[in-house]
């Protein structure tokens, strides 16, 4: 009986994580984000102004108002790792490092 309950709990948690990833997480990215660590991509950045998320791929737009090094780094390939606890996590496939941005406080 206990084994069955644990199996249901694990199944529910996995379903919750998948639902969060594909339904709710993209809504949490619609914020303004401030640079914290990793590859510098400009500061601040915002969804649909500086980048777009397509599936798990992040595509950065070139912005003449951002520093030259930020625009150079925006040409790299990025993977959307997640958006949890007020932080945006992107994986820079070119440099193989995690990029972290935190939500801008108002």
N, C-alpha and C. Protein backbone atom coordinates (compact mmCIF):
# COMPACT_ATOMS: atom_id res chain seq x y z
N UNK A 1 0.82 -1.20 0.00
CA UNK A 1 0.00 0.00 0.00
C UNK A 1 0.86 1.26 0.00
N UNK A 2 1.90 1.30 0.84
CA UNK A 2 2.78 2.46 0.91
C UNK A 2 3.50 2.68 -0.42
N UNK A 3 3.86 1.59 -1.07
CA UNK A 3 4.57 1.66 -2.34
C UNK A 3 3.68 2.31 -3.40
N UNK A 4 2.40 1.99 -3.35
CA UNK A 4 1.45 2.55 -4.30
C UNK A 4 1.28 4.06 -4.09
N UNK A 5 1.22 4.49 -2.83
CA UNK A 5 1.07 5.90 -2.50
C UNK A 5 2.31 6.67 -2.96
N UNK A 6 3.49 6.11 -2.72
CA UNK A 6 4.73 6.76 -3.16
C UNK A 6 4.77 6.88 -4.67
N UNK A 7 4.31 5.88 -5.38
CA UNK A 7 4.27 5.90 -6.83
C UNK A 7 3.34 6.99 -7.33
N UNK A 8 2.18 7.14 -6.69
CA UNK A 8 1.26 8.22 -7.06
C UNK A 8 1.87 9.60 -6.81
N UNK A 9 2.54 9.74 -5.70
CA UNK A 9 3.17 11.03 -5.36
C UNK A 9 4.26 11.36 -6.37
N UNK A 10 5.11 10.41 -6.69
CA UNK A 10 6.18 10.64 -7.68
C UNK A 10 5.58 10.98 -9.04
N UNK A 11 4.54 10.27 -9.44
CA UNK A 11 3.88 10.56 -10.71
C UNK A 11 3.27 11.95 -10.74
N UNK A 12 2.65 12.36 -9.63
CA UNK A 12 2.07 13.69 -9.54
C UNK A 12 3.15 14.77 -9.62
N UNK A 13 4.26 14.59 -8.93
CA UNK A 13 5.35 15.57 -8.96
C UNK A 13 5.92 15.69 -10.37
N UNK A 14 6.12 14.58 -11.05
CA UNK A 14 6.64 14.62 -12.42
C UNK A 14 5.65 15.34 -13.34
N UNK A 15 4.37 15.06 -13.20
CA UNK A 15 3.35 15.73 -14.00
C UNK A 15 3.33 17.22 -13.72
N UNK A 16 3.47 17.60 -12.46
CA UNK A 16 3.50 19.01 -12.08
C UNK A 16 4.71 19.73 -12.70
N UNK A 17 5.87 19.10 -12.68
CA UNK A 17 7.08 19.69 -13.25
C UNK A 17 6.93 19.87 -14.76
N UNK A 18 6.40 18.88 -15.44
CA UNK A 18 6.21 18.97 -16.89
C UNK A 18 5.19 20.05 -17.23
N UNK A 19 4.09 20.10 -16.49
CA UNK A 19 3.07 21.13 -16.72
C UNK A 19 3.65 22.52 -16.49
N UNK A 20 4.41 22.67 -15.43
CA UNK A 20 5.05 23.96 -15.15
C UNK A 20 5.98 24.36 -16.28
N UNK A 21 6.78 23.43 -16.74
CA UNK A 21 7.77 23.72 -17.79
C UNK A 21 7.13 24.21 -19.09
N UNK A 22 6.07 23.56 -19.51
CA UNK A 22 5.50 23.87 -20.81
C UNK A 22 4.30 24.81 -20.80
N UNK A 23 3.74 25.11 -19.64
CA UNK A 23 2.57 26.00 -19.59
C UNK A 23 2.84 27.26 -18.80
N UNK A 24 3.27 27.14 -17.55
CA UNK A 24 3.38 28.29 -16.68
C UNK A 24 4.72 29.01 -16.73
N UNK A 25 5.79 28.32 -17.01
CA UNK A 25 7.12 28.92 -16.91
C UNK A 25 7.33 30.08 -17.88
N UNK A 26 6.81 29.96 -19.11
CA UNK A 26 7.00 31.04 -20.09
C UNK A 26 6.31 32.33 -19.64
N UNK A 27 5.23 32.22 -18.89
CA UNK A 27 4.57 33.42 -18.36
C UNK A 27 5.44 34.12 -17.30
N UNK A 28 6.21 33.35 -16.56
CA UNK A 28 7.08 33.95 -15.54
C UNK A 28 8.26 34.70 -16.15
N UNK A 29 8.58 34.43 -17.41
CA UNK A 29 9.72 35.12 -18.04
C UNK A 29 9.35 36.51 -18.52
N UNK A 30 8.09 36.86 -18.50
CA UNK A 30 7.64 38.16 -19.00
C UNK A 30 7.86 39.23 -17.94
N UNK A 31 9.10 39.44 -17.61
CA UNK A 31 9.54 40.39 -16.59
C UNK A 31 10.75 41.15 -17.14
N UNK A 32 11.26 42.05 -16.35
CA UNK A 32 12.54 42.69 -16.64
C UNK A 32 13.57 42.02 -15.75
N UNK A 33 14.72 41.64 -16.35
CA UNK A 33 15.72 40.85 -15.64
C UNK A 33 17.04 41.60 -15.54
N UNK A 34 17.69 41.51 -14.40
CA UNK A 34 18.97 42.15 -14.14
C UNK A 34 20.08 41.11 -14.10
N UNK A 35 21.22 41.45 -14.67
CA UNK A 35 22.35 40.54 -14.75
C UNK A 35 22.86 40.16 -13.37
N UNK A 36 23.15 38.86 -13.20
CA UNK A 36 23.69 38.37 -11.94
C UNK A 36 25.04 37.67 -12.15
N UNK A 37 25.08 36.68 -13.07
CA UNK A 37 26.34 35.97 -13.32
C UNK A 37 26.29 35.25 -14.66
N UNK A 38 27.47 34.85 -15.13
CA UNK A 38 27.57 34.12 -16.39
C UNK A 38 27.91 35.03 -17.55
N UNK A 39 27.59 34.61 -18.75
CA UNK A 39 27.86 35.38 -19.96
C UNK A 39 27.03 36.66 -19.94
N UNK A 40 27.69 37.80 -20.18
CA UNK A 40 27.00 39.09 -20.14
C UNK A 40 26.22 39.30 -21.44
N UNK A 41 24.90 39.56 -21.29
CA UNK A 41 24.02 39.73 -22.45
C UNK A 41 23.33 41.08 -22.44
N UNK A 42 23.75 41.95 -21.56
CA UNK A 42 23.13 43.26 -21.41
C UNK A 42 22.41 43.33 -20.07
N UNK A 43 22.16 44.55 -19.63
CA UNK A 43 21.50 44.74 -18.35
C UNK A 43 20.69 46.02 -18.39
N UNK A 44 19.43 45.99 -18.22
CA UNK A 44 18.53 44.87 -18.03
C UNK A 44 18.12 44.25 -19.37
N UNK A 45 17.49 43.08 -19.30
CA UNK A 45 16.93 42.45 -20.48
C UNK A 45 15.46 42.13 -20.20
N UNK A 46 14.67 42.03 -21.27
CA UNK A 46 13.25 41.75 -21.11
C UNK A 46 12.79 40.81 -22.22
N UNK A 47 11.88 39.92 -21.87
CA UNK A 47 11.30 38.99 -22.84
C UNK A 47 10.55 39.78 -23.91
N UNK A 48 10.66 39.35 -25.15
CA UNK A 48 10.05 39.95 -26.33
C UNK A 48 10.67 41.29 -26.72
N UNK A 49 11.56 41.86 -25.95
CA UNK A 49 12.31 43.04 -26.35
C UNK A 49 13.74 42.65 -26.68
N UNK A 50 14.38 41.88 -25.79
CA UNK A 50 15.76 41.47 -25.98
C UNK A 50 15.89 40.02 -26.42
N UNK A 51 14.95 39.19 -26.04
CA UNK A 51 15.04 37.77 -26.39
C UNK A 51 13.66 37.18 -26.57
N UNK A 52 13.63 36.05 -27.29
CA UNK A 52 12.40 35.28 -27.46
C UNK A 52 12.71 33.82 -27.14
N UNK A 53 11.76 33.15 -26.53
CA UNK A 53 11.93 31.74 -26.20
C UNK A 53 11.05 30.93 -27.14
N UNK A 54 11.68 30.05 -27.90
CA UNK A 54 10.97 29.16 -28.81
C UNK A 54 11.26 27.74 -28.37
N UNK A 55 10.29 27.11 -27.74
CA UNK A 55 10.52 25.78 -27.18
C UNK A 55 11.50 25.90 -26.04
N UNK A 56 12.68 25.33 -26.20
CA UNK A 56 13.74 25.44 -25.20
C UNK A 56 14.92 26.26 -25.71
N UNK A 57 14.77 26.86 -26.88
CA UNK A 57 15.84 27.67 -27.46
C UNK A 57 15.56 29.14 -27.19
N UNK A 58 16.60 29.87 -26.81
CA UNK A 58 16.49 31.30 -26.57
C UNK A 58 17.20 32.02 -27.71
N UNK A 59 16.48 32.94 -28.34
CA UNK A 59 17.05 33.71 -29.45
C UNK A 59 17.13 35.16 -29.00
N UNK A 60 18.35 35.70 -28.99
CA UNK A 60 18.57 37.08 -28.59
C UNK A 60 18.58 37.99 -29.81
N UNK A 61 18.00 39.18 -29.64
CA UNK A 61 17.96 40.17 -30.69
C UNK A 61 19.14 41.11 -30.50
N UNK A 62 19.73 41.57 -31.61
CA UNK A 62 20.81 42.53 -31.53
C UNK A 62 20.20 43.89 -31.15
N UNK A 63 20.87 44.61 -30.27
CA UNK A 63 20.36 45.88 -29.79
C UNK A 63 21.50 46.90 -29.81
N UNK A 64 21.41 47.93 -30.66
CA UNK A 64 22.50 48.92 -30.75
C UNK A 64 22.69 49.74 -29.47
N UNK A 65 21.72 49.72 -28.58
CA UNK A 65 21.84 50.48 -27.33
C UNK A 65 22.61 49.70 -26.26
N UNK A 66 22.84 48.42 -26.47
CA UNK A 66 23.58 47.60 -25.53
C UNK A 66 25.07 47.68 -25.84
N UNK A 67 25.95 47.42 -24.87
CA UNK A 67 27.40 47.43 -25.12
C UNK A 67 27.79 46.40 -26.19
N UNK A 68 28.93 46.65 -26.84
CA UNK A 68 29.40 45.79 -27.93
C UNK A 68 29.61 44.35 -27.47
N UNK A 69 30.14 44.15 -26.27
CA UNK A 69 30.38 42.78 -25.80
C UNK A 69 29.06 42.03 -25.58
N UNK A 70 28.01 42.74 -25.18
CA UNK A 70 26.70 42.10 -25.00
C UNK A 70 26.15 41.64 -26.34
N UNK A 71 26.27 42.49 -27.38
CA UNK A 71 25.78 42.10 -28.70
C UNK A 71 26.60 40.96 -29.29
N UNK A 72 27.90 40.93 -29.01
CA UNK A 72 28.74 39.84 -29.48
C UNK A 72 28.33 38.52 -28.82
N UNK A 73 28.08 38.56 -27.52
CA UNK A 73 27.66 37.36 -26.78
C UNK A 73 26.27 36.88 -27.19
N UNK A 74 25.42 37.79 -27.67
CA UNK A 74 24.07 37.43 -28.07
C UNK A 74 24.04 36.52 -29.30
N UNK A 75 25.16 36.41 -29.99
CA UNK A 75 25.24 35.54 -31.17
C UNK A 75 25.44 34.08 -30.76
N UNK A 76 25.76 33.84 -29.49
CA UNK A 76 25.95 32.48 -29.00
C UNK A 76 24.62 31.72 -29.03
N UNK A 77 24.70 30.43 -28.80
CA UNK A 77 23.53 29.58 -28.76
C UNK A 77 23.12 29.35 -27.31
N UNK A 78 21.83 29.60 -27.00
CA UNK A 78 21.35 29.51 -25.63
C UNK A 78 20.20 28.53 -25.49
N UNK A 79 20.15 27.87 -24.34
CA UNK A 79 19.10 26.93 -23.98
C UNK A 79 18.37 27.49 -22.76
N UNK A 80 17.05 27.48 -22.79
CA UNK A 80 16.24 27.96 -21.67
C UNK A 80 16.21 26.89 -20.58
N UNK A 81 16.94 27.13 -19.49
CA UNK A 81 17.04 26.15 -18.41
C UNK A 81 15.88 26.23 -17.43
N UNK A 82 15.38 27.43 -17.18
CA UNK A 82 14.26 27.54 -16.26
C UNK A 82 14.10 28.94 -15.70
N UNK A 83 13.03 29.10 -14.97
CA UNK A 83 12.71 30.36 -14.32
C UNK A 83 12.09 30.02 -12.97
N UNK A 84 12.92 30.05 -11.93
CA UNK A 84 12.49 29.64 -10.61
C UNK A 84 12.93 30.64 -9.55
N UNK A 85 12.04 30.90 -8.58
CA UNK A 85 12.34 31.71 -7.40
C UNK A 85 12.92 33.08 -7.76
N UNK A 86 12.36 33.74 -8.78
CA UNK A 86 12.78 35.07 -9.16
C UNK A 86 14.09 35.13 -9.93
N UNK A 87 14.50 34.01 -10.49
CA UNK A 87 15.74 33.97 -11.28
C UNK A 87 15.47 33.31 -12.62
N UNK A 88 16.11 33.85 -13.65
CA UNK A 88 16.03 33.31 -15.00
C UNK A 88 17.35 32.59 -15.28
N UNK A 89 17.27 31.32 -15.66
CA UNK A 89 18.46 30.51 -15.92
C UNK A 89 18.53 30.17 -17.40
N UNK A 90 19.65 30.53 -18.02
CA UNK A 90 19.91 30.20 -19.41
C UNK A 90 21.24 29.47 -19.48
N UNK A 91 21.33 28.51 -20.38
CA UNK A 91 22.59 27.80 -20.55
C UNK A 91 23.22 28.24 -21.85
N UNK A 92 24.42 28.79 -21.78
CA UNK A 92 25.18 29.22 -22.95
C UNK A 92 25.90 28.01 -23.51
N UNK A 93 25.40 27.46 -24.63
CA UNK A 93 25.98 26.25 -25.20
C UNK A 93 27.37 26.50 -25.77
N UNK A 94 27.63 27.72 -26.24
CA UNK A 94 28.93 28.04 -26.82
C UNK A 94 30.02 28.05 -25.76
N UNK A 95 29.79 28.76 -24.66
CA UNK A 95 30.78 28.87 -23.58
C UNK A 95 30.61 27.80 -22.51
N UNK A 96 29.56 27.00 -22.63
CA UNK A 96 29.25 25.95 -21.65
C UNK A 96 29.20 26.48 -20.22
N UNK A 97 28.39 27.52 -20.01
CA UNK A 97 28.21 28.06 -18.67
C UNK A 97 26.77 28.51 -18.46
N UNK A 98 26.37 28.56 -17.21
CA UNK A 98 25.03 28.96 -16.85
C UNK A 98 24.97 30.47 -16.69
N UNK A 99 23.98 31.08 -17.29
CA UNK A 99 23.77 32.53 -17.19
C UNK A 99 22.58 32.73 -16.25
N UNK A 100 22.76 33.60 -15.26
CA UNK A 100 21.71 33.83 -14.28
C UNK A 100 21.33 35.31 -14.28
N UNK A 101 20.03 35.56 -14.36
CA UNK A 101 19.48 36.89 -14.25
C UNK A 101 18.44 36.88 -13.14
N UNK A 102 18.33 37.95 -12.38
CA UNK A 102 17.33 38.01 -11.31
C UNK A 102 16.25 39.01 -11.68
N UNK A 103 15.06 38.77 -11.16
CA UNK A 103 13.93 39.64 -11.45
C UNK A 103 14.16 41.04 -10.89
N UNK A 104 13.84 42.03 -11.69
CA UNK A 104 14.02 43.41 -11.26
C UNK A 104 12.95 43.74 -10.23
N UNK A 105 13.37 44.24 -9.09
CA UNK A 105 12.42 44.65 -8.04
C UNK A 105 11.90 46.04 -8.35
N UNK A 106 10.63 46.23 -8.13
CA UNK A 106 10.03 47.53 -8.39
C UNK A 106 9.94 48.33 -7.12
